[in-house]
Amino acid sequence: MSKRSRIILEGTIVAALSMALSFIPLNIGTGFSVSLGMIPLTLFALRRGTVPGVYAGLIWGLLHFLMGQVYFLTVSQVIIEYIFAFAAAGFSGVFSKKLQTALKTNPSSAWKYVVSGTFFGTLIRYIFHFIAGFIFWGKYAIWGLSPVTYSLVANGISGFLTGLATVIVLLLILNKNKSLFMPKDN
């Protein structure tokens, strides 16, 4: 099997694992949730890079359609929240090369790239959710908040909690088995 085929297969498996983790209910109150699927997706993006990470994120987003997990208001809302947002999560891979270099030359500094990559990918994903939140979901805002404020609060808290959970798990993995962040076919 070619390297490209292995990366595509690995990304597809990661997307399926991310989708499976999405079924674990971690909702906190009204409108807040932790997305555990970010853990394998971010690990994959940091391991393989931005393009494979975006690919796996896109597949994860598309799997929501197959699994009937799409909250549909309009076509543009669905595109923003399930195509753009999930694909954008793969931008964690922007830090892949720096992480790979750190793991080879200065392993004690690798944690910085795991944290940076995680929060970067999570931030970009939740910016898309924020935009969709105030444009499309604003009429459902609670507590008398404006649509923009409510979307910022709901998506900001969800994004922060998702990023925090992902960082904690990935730092534990980094501490126990750094090789999971390093592809063997490079």
N, C-alpha and C. Protein backbone atom coordinates (compact mmCIF):
# COMPACT_ATOMS: atom_id res chain seq x y z
N MET A 1 0.85 -1.18 0.00
CA MET A 1 0.00 0.00 0.00
C MET A 1 0.89 1.24 0.00
N SER A 2 0.55 2.20 -0.82
CA SER A 2 1.35 3.43 -0.92
C SER A 2 1.18 4.28 0.33
N LYS A 3 2.13 5.18 0.53
CA LYS A 3 2.06 6.09 1.68
C LYS A 3 0.78 6.92 1.63
N ARG A 4 0.44 7.41 0.45
CA ARG A 4 -0.77 8.23 0.29
C ARG A 4 -2.02 7.43 0.67
N SER A 5 -2.08 6.18 0.24
CA SER A 5 -3.23 5.33 0.57
C SER A 5 -3.31 5.07 2.07
N ARG A 6 -2.15 4.86 2.70
CA ARG A 6 -2.13 4.65 4.16
C ARG A 6 -2.65 5.88 4.90
N ILE A 7 -2.24 7.07 4.44
CA ILE A 7 -2.69 8.31 5.08
C ILE A 7 -4.19 8.48 4.90
N ILE A 8 -4.69 8.21 3.71
CA ILE A 8 -6.14 8.33 3.46
C ILE A 8 -6.90 7.33 4.33
N LEU A 9 -6.42 6.09 4.39
CA LEU A 9 -7.07 5.07 5.22
C LEU A 9 -7.03 5.46 6.69
N GLU A 10 -5.88 5.91 7.15
CA GLU A 10 -5.74 6.34 8.55
C GLU A 10 -6.69 7.50 8.85
N GLY A 11 -6.77 8.46 7.94
CA GLY A 11 -7.67 9.60 8.13
C GLY A 11 -9.13 9.19 8.17
N THR A 12 -9.50 8.24 7.34
CA THR A 12 -10.88 7.75 7.33
C THR A 12 -11.21 7.04 8.63
N ILE A 13 -10.28 6.24 9.13
CA ILE A 13 -10.48 5.55 10.41
C ILE A 13 -10.59 6.57 11.54
N VAL A 14 -9.74 7.58 11.52
CA VAL A 14 -9.79 8.64 12.53
C VAL A 14 -11.13 9.36 12.48
N ALA A 15 -11.62 9.65 11.28
CA ALA A 15 -12.93 10.32 11.14
C ALA A 15 -14.04 9.45 11.73
N ALA A 16 -13.98 8.14 11.47
CA ALA A 16 -14.99 7.23 12.03
C ALA A 16 -14.90 7.18 13.55
N LEU A 17 -13.68 7.16 14.09
CA LEU A 17 -13.50 7.18 15.54
C LEU A 17 -14.02 8.49 16.13
N SER A 18 -13.73 9.59 15.46
CA SER A 18 -14.24 10.89 15.92
C SER A 18 -15.77 10.89 15.94
N MET A 19 -16.37 10.31 14.91
CA MET A 19 -17.83 10.24 14.85
C MET A 19 -18.36 9.38 15.98
N ALA A 20 -17.72 8.23 16.22
CA ALA A 20 -18.16 7.34 17.30
C ALA A 20 -18.10 8.06 18.64
N LEU A 21 -17.03 8.82 18.87
CA LEU A 21 -16.90 9.56 20.13
C LEU A 21 -17.95 10.66 20.24
N SER A 22 -18.47 11.12 19.11
CA SER A 22 -19.52 12.15 19.13
C SER A 22 -20.81 11.64 19.77
N PHE A 23 -20.96 10.33 19.84
CA PHE A 23 -22.17 9.76 20.42
C PHE A 23 -22.11 9.68 21.94
N ILE A 24 -20.96 9.97 22.52
CA ILE A 24 -20.86 10.02 23.98
C ILE A 24 -21.42 11.37 24.42
N PRO A 25 -22.53 11.35 25.16
CA PRO A 25 -23.17 12.63 25.51
C PRO A 25 -22.39 13.40 26.57
N LEU A 26 -21.89 14.54 26.18
CA LEU A 26 -21.20 15.43 27.11
C LEU A 26 -21.78 16.83 26.98
N ASN A 27 -23.08 16.92 27.07
CA ASN A 27 -23.76 18.21 27.02
C ASN A 27 -23.79 18.80 28.41
N ILE A 28 -23.53 20.09 28.48
CA ILE A 28 -23.51 20.80 29.75
C ILE A 28 -24.53 21.92 29.64
N GLY A 29 -25.66 21.74 30.26
CA GLY A 29 -26.70 22.76 30.19
C GLY A 29 -27.26 22.91 28.79
N THR A 30 -27.78 24.08 28.52
CA THR A 30 -28.39 24.37 27.22
C THR A 30 -27.36 24.97 26.28
N GLY A 31 -27.02 24.24 25.23
CA GLY A 31 -26.15 24.79 24.20
C GLY A 31 -24.66 24.60 24.41
N PHE A 32 -24.25 23.96 25.49
CA PHE A 32 -22.82 23.74 25.73
C PHE A 32 -22.52 22.25 25.61
N SER A 33 -21.40 21.93 24.97
CA SER A 33 -21.02 20.52 24.86
C SER A 33 -19.51 20.42 24.68
N VAL A 34 -19.00 19.23 24.96
CA VAL A 34 -17.59 18.92 24.74
C VAL A 34 -17.55 17.91 23.60
N SER A 35 -16.78 18.19 22.58
CA SER A 35 -16.69 17.35 21.39
C SER A 35 -15.46 16.45 21.49
N LEU A 36 -15.67 15.22 22.00
CA LEU A 36 -14.55 14.30 22.19
C LEU A 36 -13.92 13.85 20.87
N GLY A 37 -14.64 13.98 19.78
CA GLY A 37 -14.09 13.61 18.48
C GLY A 37 -12.88 14.44 18.08
N MET A 38 -12.70 15.58 18.72
CA MET A 38 -11.53 16.41 18.43
C MET A 38 -10.23 15.73 18.86
N ILE A 39 -10.31 14.82 19.81
CA ILE A 39 -9.09 14.18 20.31
C ILE A 39 -8.39 13.38 19.21
N PRO A 40 -9.05 12.37 18.61
CA PRO A 40 -8.33 11.64 17.56
C PRO A 40 -8.06 12.49 16.32
N LEU A 41 -8.95 13.41 16.00
CA LEU A 41 -8.73 14.25 14.82
C LEU A 41 -7.49 15.12 15.00
N THR A 42 -7.35 15.73 16.16
CA THR A 42 -6.19 16.59 16.42
C THR A 42 -4.90 15.77 16.46
N LEU A 43 -4.94 14.60 17.08
CA LEU A 43 -3.77 13.73 17.09
C LEU A 43 -3.35 13.39 15.65
N PHE A 44 -4.32 13.04 14.83
CA PHE A 44 -4.04 12.71 13.43
C PHE A 44 -3.46 13.91 12.68
N ALA A 45 -4.05 15.08 12.85
CA ALA A 45 -3.57 16.28 12.16
C ALA A 45 -2.15 16.63 12.61
N LEU A 46 -1.87 16.49 13.89
CA LEU A 46 -0.52 16.77 14.39
C LEU A 46 0.46 15.71 13.90
N ARG A 47 0.00 14.53 13.67
CA ARG A 47 0.83 13.42 13.20
C ARG A 47 1.10 13.52 11.69
N ARG A 48 0.07 13.88 10.92
CA ARG A 48 0.16 13.80 9.46
C ARG A 48 0.20 15.14 8.74
N GLY A 49 -0.24 16.21 9.39
CA GLY A 49 -0.19 17.52 8.75
C GLY A 49 -1.56 18.10 8.44
N THR A 50 -1.53 19.30 7.88
CA THR A 50 -2.76 20.07 7.66
C THR A 50 -3.69 19.44 6.62
N VAL A 51 -3.17 19.10 5.46
CA VAL A 51 -4.05 18.57 4.40
C VAL A 51 -4.72 17.27 4.83
N PRO A 52 -3.98 16.29 5.36
CA PRO A 52 -4.67 15.09 5.84
C PRO A 52 -5.63 15.39 7.00
N GLY A 53 -5.27 16.35 7.85
CA GLY A 53 -6.15 16.73 8.96
C GLY A 53 -7.46 17.32 8.47
N VAL A 54 -7.37 18.21 7.48
CA VAL A 54 -8.57 18.81 6.90
C VAL A 54 -9.42 17.73 6.22
N TYR A 55 -8.77 16.82 5.52
CA TYR A 55 -9.48 15.70 4.88
C TYR A 55 -10.25 14.89 5.92
N ALA A 56 -9.58 14.50 7.00
CA ALA A 56 -10.24 13.70 8.04
C ALA A 56 -11.38 14.48 8.69
N GLY A 57 -11.17 15.78 8.92
CA GLY A 57 -12.24 16.61 9.48
C GLY A 57 -13.43 16.70 8.55
N LEU A 58 -13.17 16.82 7.25
CA LEU A 58 -14.25 16.86 6.26
C LEU A 58 -15.04 15.55 6.29
N ILE A 59 -14.34 14.43 6.33
CA ILE A 59 -15.01 13.12 6.39
C ILE A 59 -15.84 13.02 7.67
N TRP A 60 -15.29 13.49 8.79
CA TRP A 60 -16.03 13.48 10.05
C TRP A 60 -17.31 14.30 9.90
N GLY A 61 -17.21 15.47 9.31
CA GLY A 61 -18.39 16.30 9.09
C GLY A 61 -19.41 15.61 8.21
N LEU A 62 -18.96 14.96 7.13
CA LEU A 62 -19.87 14.26 6.23
C LEU A 62 -20.52 13.05 6.89
N LEU A 63 -19.81 12.41 7.81
CA LEU A 63 -20.39 11.27 8.52
C LEU A 63 -21.62 11.67 9.34
N HIS A 64 -21.70 12.92 9.74
CA HIS A 64 -22.89 13.39 10.46
C HIS A 64 -24.14 13.20 9.61
N PHE A 65 -24.00 13.37 8.30
CA PHE A 65 -25.14 13.19 7.39
C PHE A 65 -25.55 11.72 7.35
N LEU A 66 -24.57 10.83 7.21
CA LEU A 66 -24.86 9.40 7.13
C LEU A 66 -25.47 8.87 8.42
N MET A 67 -25.08 9.47 9.54
CA MET A 67 -25.56 9.00 10.84
C MET A 67 -26.82 9.74 11.31
N GLY A 68 -27.33 10.63 10.50
CA GLY A 68 -28.53 11.37 10.87
C GLY A 68 -28.32 12.31 12.04
N GLN A 69 -27.13 12.88 12.14
CA GLN A 69 -26.78 13.76 13.26
C GLN A 69 -26.65 15.22 12.83
N VAL A 70 -27.39 15.61 11.80
CA VAL A 70 -27.32 16.97 11.29
C VAL A 70 -28.51 17.77 11.79
N TYR A 71 -28.24 18.92 12.37
CA TYR A 71 -29.30 19.86 12.75
C TYR A 71 -29.45 20.84 11.60
N PHE A 72 -30.52 20.69 10.85
CA PHE A 72 -30.70 21.39 9.59
C PHE A 72 -31.67 22.56 9.74
N LEU A 73 -31.19 23.77 9.46
CA LEU A 73 -32.06 24.94 9.35
C LEU A 73 -32.09 25.41 7.90
N THR A 74 -30.90 25.60 7.32
CA THR A 74 -30.79 26.00 5.91
C THR A 74 -29.58 25.29 5.31
N VAL A 75 -29.51 25.28 4.00
CA VAL A 75 -28.38 24.65 3.32
C VAL A 75 -27.07 25.35 3.70
N SER A 76 -27.07 26.68 3.70
CA SER A 76 -25.84 27.40 4.03
C SER A 76 -25.41 27.15 5.48
N GLN A 77 -26.35 27.02 6.40
CA GLN A 77 -26.02 26.71 7.79
C GLN A 77 -25.36 25.34 7.89
N VAL A 78 -25.90 24.37 7.18
CA VAL A 78 -25.35 23.01 7.20
C VAL A 78 -23.95 22.99 6.60
N ILE A 79 -23.75 23.72 5.53
CA ILE A 79 -22.42 23.78 4.91
C ILE A 79 -21.41 24.40 5.87
N ILE A 80 -21.79 25.49 6.52
CA ILE A 80 -20.88 26.14 7.47
C ILE A 80 -20.56 25.22 8.65
N GLU A 81 -21.59 24.61 9.24
CA GLU A 81 -21.39 23.86 10.47
C GLU A 81 -20.87 22.44 10.29
N TYR A 82 -21.14 21.81 9.16
CA TYR A 82 -20.74 20.42 9.00
C TYR A 82 -19.66 20.20 7.96
N ILE A 83 -19.51 21.11 7.04
CA ILE A 83 -18.44 20.99 6.04
C ILE A 83 -17.26 21.86 6.46
N PHE A 84 -17.49 23.17 6.55
CA PHE A 84 -16.40 24.09 6.87
C PHE A 84 -15.85 23.89 8.28
N ALA A 85 -16.73 23.83 9.28
CA ALA A 85 -16.27 23.77 10.67
C ALA A 85 -15.46 22.50 10.95
N PHE A 86 -15.98 21.36 10.53
CA PHE A 86 -15.28 20.11 10.83
C PHE A 86 -13.99 20.00 10.03
N ALA A 87 -14.01 20.43 8.77
CA ALA A 87 -12.77 20.43 7.98
C ALA A 87 -11.74 21.36 8.62
N ALA A 88 -12.19 22.51 9.10
CA ALA A 88 -11.28 23.49 9.71
C ALA A 88 -10.58 22.95 10.94
N ALA A 89 -11.21 22.01 11.63
CA ALA A 89 -10.58 21.41 12.81
C ALA A 89 -9.23 20.79 12.45
N GLY A 90 -9.09 20.35 11.21
CA GLY A 90 -7.84 19.75 10.77
C GLY A 90 -6.68 20.72 10.67
N PHE A 91 -6.95 22.02 10.79
CA PHE A 91 -5.87 23.00 10.75
C PHE A 91 -4.97 22.91 11.97
N SER A 92 -5.28 22.03 12.90
CA SER A 92 -4.34 21.72 13.98
C SER A 92 -3.01 21.27 13.39
N GLY A 93 -3.09 20.68 12.20
CA GLY A 93 -1.91 20.16 11.54
C GLY A 93 -0.90 21.21 11.12
N VAL A 94 -1.25 22.49 11.20
CA VAL A 94 -0.30 23.56 10.90
C VAL A 94 0.94 23.42 11.79
N PHE A 95 0.77 22.84 12.96
CA PHE A 95 1.89 22.70 13.90
C PHE A 95 2.58 21.34 13.79
N SER A 96 2.21 20.55 12.81
CA SER A 96 2.75 19.19 12.66
C SER A 96 4.26 19.17 12.46
N LYS A 97 4.77 19.95 11.53
CA LYS A 97 6.21 19.93 11.24
C LYS A 97 7.03 20.39 12.45
N LYS A 98 6.55 21.42 13.13
CA LYS A 98 7.26 21.89 14.33
C LYS A 98 7.24 20.82 15.42
N LEU A 99 6.10 20.14 15.56
CA LEU A 99 6.01 19.07 16.55
C LEU A 99 6.95 17.93 16.18
N GLN A 100 6.96 17.53 14.92
CA GLN A 100 7.84 16.44 14.48
C GLN A 100 9.31 16.79 14.74
N THR A 101 9.68 18.02 14.44
CA THR A 101 11.06 18.47 14.68
C THR A 101 11.37 18.45 16.17
N ALA A 102 10.46 18.96 16.98
CA ALA A 102 10.67 18.98 18.43
C ALA A 102 10.80 17.57 18.99
N LEU A 103 9.99 16.65 18.51
CA LEU A 103 10.06 15.27 19.00
C LEU A 103 11.41 14.63 18.69
N LYS A 104 12.03 15.04 17.59
CA LYS A 104 13.33 14.48 17.20
C LYS A 104 14.50 15.18 17.87
N THR A 105 14.39 16.50 18.07
CA THR A 105 15.55 17.27 18.55
C THR A 105 15.45 17.73 20.00
N ASN A 106 14.24 18.02 20.46
CA ASN A 106 14.05 18.53 21.82
C ASN A 106 12.68 18.09 22.35
N PRO A 107 12.55 16.79 22.69
CA PRO A 107 11.24 16.25 23.06
C PRO A 107 10.55 16.98 24.22
N SER A 108 11.33 17.60 25.09
CA SER A 108 10.70 18.29 26.23
C SER A 108 9.93 19.54 25.80
N SER A 109 10.16 20.01 24.57
CA SER A 109 9.43 21.19 24.10
C SER A 109 8.22 20.83 23.24
N ALA A 110 8.01 19.56 22.99
CA ALA A 110 6.93 19.12 22.09
C ALA A 110 5.55 19.52 22.60
N TRP A 111 5.39 19.60 23.91
CA TRP A 111 4.08 19.91 24.48
C TRP A 111 3.54 21.24 23.96
N LYS A 112 4.44 22.21 23.70
CA LYS A 112 4.00 23.53 23.23
C LYS A 112 3.25 23.43 21.91
N TYR A 113 3.71 22.54 21.05
CA TYR A 113 3.09 22.40 19.73
C TYR A 113 1.79 21.61 19.79
N VAL A 114 1.71 20.69 20.74
CA VAL A 114 0.45 19.97 20.96
C VAL A 114 -0.61 20.96 21.45
N VAL A 115 -0.25 21.78 22.41
CA VAL A 115 -1.20 22.77 22.95
C VAL A 115 -1.56 23.78 21.86
N SER A 116 -0.57 24.32 21.18
CA SER A 116 -0.83 25.33 20.13
C SER A 116 -1.69 24.76 19.02
N GLY A 117 -1.35 23.58 18.54
CA GLY A 117 -2.12 22.95 17.47
C GLY A 117 -3.54 22.66 17.87
N THR A 118 -3.72 22.17 19.09
CA THR A 118 -5.06 21.86 19.58
C THR A 118 -5.92 23.11 19.63
N PHE A 119 -5.41 24.15 20.25
CA PHE A 119 -6.22 25.35 20.39
C PHE A 119 -6.41 26.08 19.06
N PHE A 120 -5.45 25.97 18.15
CA PHE A 120 -5.61 26.59 16.83
C PHE A 120 -6.72 25.91 16.05
N GLY A 121 -6.68 24.59 15.95
CA GLY A 121 -7.72 23.85 15.23
C GLY A 121 -9.09 24.02 15.86
N THR A 122 -9.13 24.00 17.18
CA THR A 122 -10.40 24.17 17.89
C THR A 122 -10.94 25.58 17.67
N LEU A 123 -10.07 26.58 17.73
CA LEU A 123 -10.50 27.96 17.51
C LEU A 123 -11.11 28.14 16.13
N ILE A 124 -10.43 27.64 15.11
CA ILE A 124 -10.95 27.82 13.75
C ILE A 124 -12.29 27.10 13.59
N ARG A 125 -12.38 25.88 14.12
CA ARG A 125 -13.65 25.16 14.03
C ARG A 125 -14.77 25.96 14.68
N TYR A 126 -14.54 26.44 15.89
CA TYR A 126 -15.61 27.12 16.62
C TYR A 126 -15.88 28.53 16.11
N ILE A 127 -14.98 29.12 15.36
CA ILE A 127 -15.31 30.38 14.69
C ILE A 127 -16.43 30.14 13.69
N PHE A 128 -16.35 29.03 12.96
CA PHE A 128 -17.44 28.70 12.03
C PHE A 128 -18.75 28.44 12.77
N HIS A 129 -18.68 27.73 13.90
CA HIS A 129 -19.90 27.49 14.68
C HIS A 129 -20.45 28.81 15.23
N PHE A 130 -19.56 29.71 15.63
CA PHE A 130 -19.98 31.02 16.13
C PHE A 130 -20.72 31.79 15.04
N ILE A 131 -20.15 31.81 13.84
CA ILE A 131 -20.79 32.52 12.72
C ILE A 131 -22.17 31.94 12.45
N ALA A 132 -22.25 30.63 12.35
CA ALA A 132 -23.55 29.99 12.11
C ALA A 132 -24.49 30.25 13.28
N GLY A 133 -23.93 30.30 14.48
CA GLY A 133 -24.75 30.52 15.67
C GLY A 133 -25.50 31.83 15.64
N PHE A 134 -24.81 32.91 15.34
CA PHE A 134 -25.53 34.19 15.37
C PHE A 134 -26.34 34.45 14.11
N ILE A 135 -25.92 33.88 12.98
CA ILE A 135 -26.70 34.09 11.75
C ILE A 135 -27.96 33.24 11.74
N PHE A 136 -27.82 31.95 12.06
CA PHE A 136 -28.92 31.02 11.86
C PHE A 136 -29.65 30.62 13.15
N TRP A 137 -28.93 30.57 14.26
CA TRP A 137 -29.52 30.10 15.50
C TRP A 137 -29.89 31.24 16.45
N GLY A 138 -29.62 32.47 16.05
CA GLY A 138 -29.84 33.63 16.91
C GLY A 138 -31.23 33.76 17.48
N LYS A 139 -32.23 33.35 16.72
CA LYS A 139 -33.61 33.48 17.20
C LYS A 139 -33.90 32.55 18.37
N TYR A 140 -33.00 31.60 18.62
CA TYR A 140 -33.18 30.67 19.73
C TYR A 140 -32.36 31.08 20.96
N ALA A 141 -31.74 32.26 20.92
CA ALA A 141 -30.91 32.72 22.03
C ALA A 141 -31.74 32.77 23.31
N ILE A 142 -31.10 32.34 24.40
CA ILE A 142 -31.79 32.34 25.70
C ILE A 142 -31.19 33.40 26.60
N TRP A 143 -31.76 33.55 27.76
CA TRP A 143 -31.32 34.48 28.79
C TRP A 143 -31.41 35.93 28.34
N GLY A 144 -32.16 36.22 27.31
CA GLY A 144 -32.31 37.58 26.82
C GLY A 144 -31.06 38.14 26.14
N LEU A 145 -30.14 37.26 25.76
CA LEU A 145 -28.90 37.70 25.12
C LEU A 145 -29.13 37.97 23.63
N SER A 146 -28.34 38.87 23.08
CA SER A 146 -28.39 39.10 21.64
C SER A 146 -27.87 37.84 20.94
N PRO A 147 -28.21 37.63 19.68
CA PRO A 147 -27.71 36.46 18.97
C PRO A 147 -26.18 36.36 18.95
N VAL A 148 -25.50 37.49 18.76
CA VAL A 148 -24.04 37.47 18.72
C VAL A 148 -23.48 37.08 20.09
N THR A 149 -23.99 37.69 21.14
CA THR A 149 -23.51 37.39 22.49
C THR A 149 -23.78 35.94 22.85
N TYR A 150 -24.99 35.48 22.58
CA TYR A 150 -25.32 34.10 22.91
C TYR A 150 -24.43 33.12 22.15
N SER A 151 -24.23 33.36 20.85
CA SER A 151 -23.38 32.47 20.06
C SER A 151 -21.95 32.50 20.57
N LEU A 152 -21.47 33.68 20.94
CA LEU A 152 -20.12 33.80 21.48
C LEU A 152 -19.99 33.02 22.79
N VAL A 153 -20.97 33.17 23.67
CA VAL A 153 -20.93 32.47 24.96
C VAL A 153 -21.03 30.95 24.74
N ALA A 154 -22.06 30.52 24.00
CA ALA A 154 -22.28 29.08 23.81
C ALA A 154 -21.12 28.42 23.07
N ASN A 155 -20.72 29.00 21.96
CA ASN A 155 -19.64 28.40 21.19
C ASN A 155 -18.28 28.63 21.83
N GLY A 156 -18.11 29.76 22.52
CA GLY A 156 -16.86 30.01 23.22
C GLY A 156 -16.63 29.02 24.35
N ILE A 157 -17.67 28.78 25.15
CA ILE A 157 -17.54 27.82 26.24
C ILE A 157 -17.35 26.41 25.69
N SER A 158 -18.15 26.04 24.69
CA SER A 158 -18.01 24.70 24.09
C SER A 158 -16.62 24.52 23.48
N GLY A 159 -16.15 25.52 22.76
CA GLY A 159 -14.83 25.45 22.15
C GLY A 159 -13.73 25.36 23.18
N PHE A 160 -13.83 26.17 24.23
CA PHE A 160 -12.81 26.14 25.29
C PHE A 160 -12.78 24.78 25.98
N LEU A 161 -13.96 24.27 26.34
CA LEU A 161 -14.01 22.97 27.02
C LEU A 161 -13.52 21.84 26.11
N THR A 162 -13.88 21.91 24.84
CA THR A 162 -13.40 20.90 23.89
C THR A 162 -11.89 20.98 23.75
N GLY A 163 -11.35 22.19 23.61
CA GLY A 163 -9.91 22.36 23.51
C GLY A 163 -9.19 21.89 24.76
N LEU A 164 -9.74 22.21 25.92
CA LEU A 164 -9.13 21.81 27.18
C LEU A 164 -9.11 20.29 27.32
N ALA A 165 -10.24 19.65 27.05
CA ALA A 165 -10.30 18.18 27.14
C ALA A 165 -9.32 17.54 26.16
N THR A 166 -9.25 18.09 24.96
CA THR A 166 -8.34 17.56 23.93
C THR A 166 -6.89 17.73 24.35
N VAL A 167 -6.54 18.90 24.86
CA VAL A 167 -5.16 19.15 25.31
C VAL A 167 -4.79 18.19 26.43
N ILE A 168 -5.66 18.02 27.41
CA ILE A 168 -5.35 17.15 28.55
C ILE A 168 -5.08 15.73 28.06
N VAL A 169 -5.96 15.20 27.24
CA VAL A 169 -5.79 13.82 26.75
C VAL A 169 -4.53 13.70 25.88
N LEU A 170 -4.32 14.65 24.98
CA LEU A 170 -3.15 14.56 24.10
C LEU A 170 -1.84 14.74 24.86
N LEU A 171 -1.82 15.56 25.89
CA LEU A 171 -0.60 15.69 26.69
C LEU A 171 -0.32 14.41 27.48
N LEU A 172 -1.38 13.75 27.94
CA LEU A 172 -1.20 12.46 28.61
C LEU A 172 -0.64 11.43 27.62
N ILE A 173 -1.17 11.43 26.40
CA ILE A 173 -0.66 10.52 25.36
C ILE A 173 0.80 10.86 25.04
N LEU A 174 1.09 12.14 24.88
CA LEU A 174 2.46 12.57 24.58
C LEU A 174 3.42 12.11 25.67
N ASN A 175 2.99 12.22 26.91
CA ASN A 175 3.82 11.83 28.05
C ASN A 175 4.08 10.32 28.07
N LYS A 176 3.09 9.54 27.66
CA LYS A 176 3.20 8.08 27.74
C LYS A 176 3.75 7.43 26.47
N ASN A 177 3.43 8.01 25.30
CA ASN A 177 3.81 7.36 24.04
C ASN A 177 3.97 8.39 22.92
N LYS A 178 5.09 9.06 22.91
CA LYS A 178 5.37 10.10 21.91
C LYS A 178 5.29 9.56 20.49
N SER A 179 5.55 8.28 20.32
CA SER A 179 5.59 7.71 18.97
C SER A 179 4.24 7.79 18.26
N LEU A 180 3.15 7.93 19.00
CA LEU A 180 1.84 8.06 18.35
C LEU A 180 1.73 9.36 17.55
N PHE A 181 2.56 10.33 17.86
CA PHE A 181 2.56 11.59 17.13
C PHE A 181 3.50 11.57 15.93
N MET A 182 4.24 10.47 15.77
CA MET A 182 5.24 10.38 14.70
C MET A 182 4.87 9.26 13.73
N PRO A 183 4.57 9.60 12.49
CA PRO A 183 4.27 8.55 11.51
C PRO A 183 5.51 7.70 11.25
N LYS A 184 5.31 6.42 11.10
CA LYS A 184 6.44 5.51 10.90
C LYS A 184 6.92 5.47 9.45
N ASP A 185 6.12 6.01 8.53
CA ASP A 185 6.49 5.93 7.12
C ASP A 185 7.20 7.18 6.61
N ASN A 186 7.63 8.06 7.49
CA ASN A 186 8.36 9.27 7.04
C ASN A 186 9.83 8.98 6.90
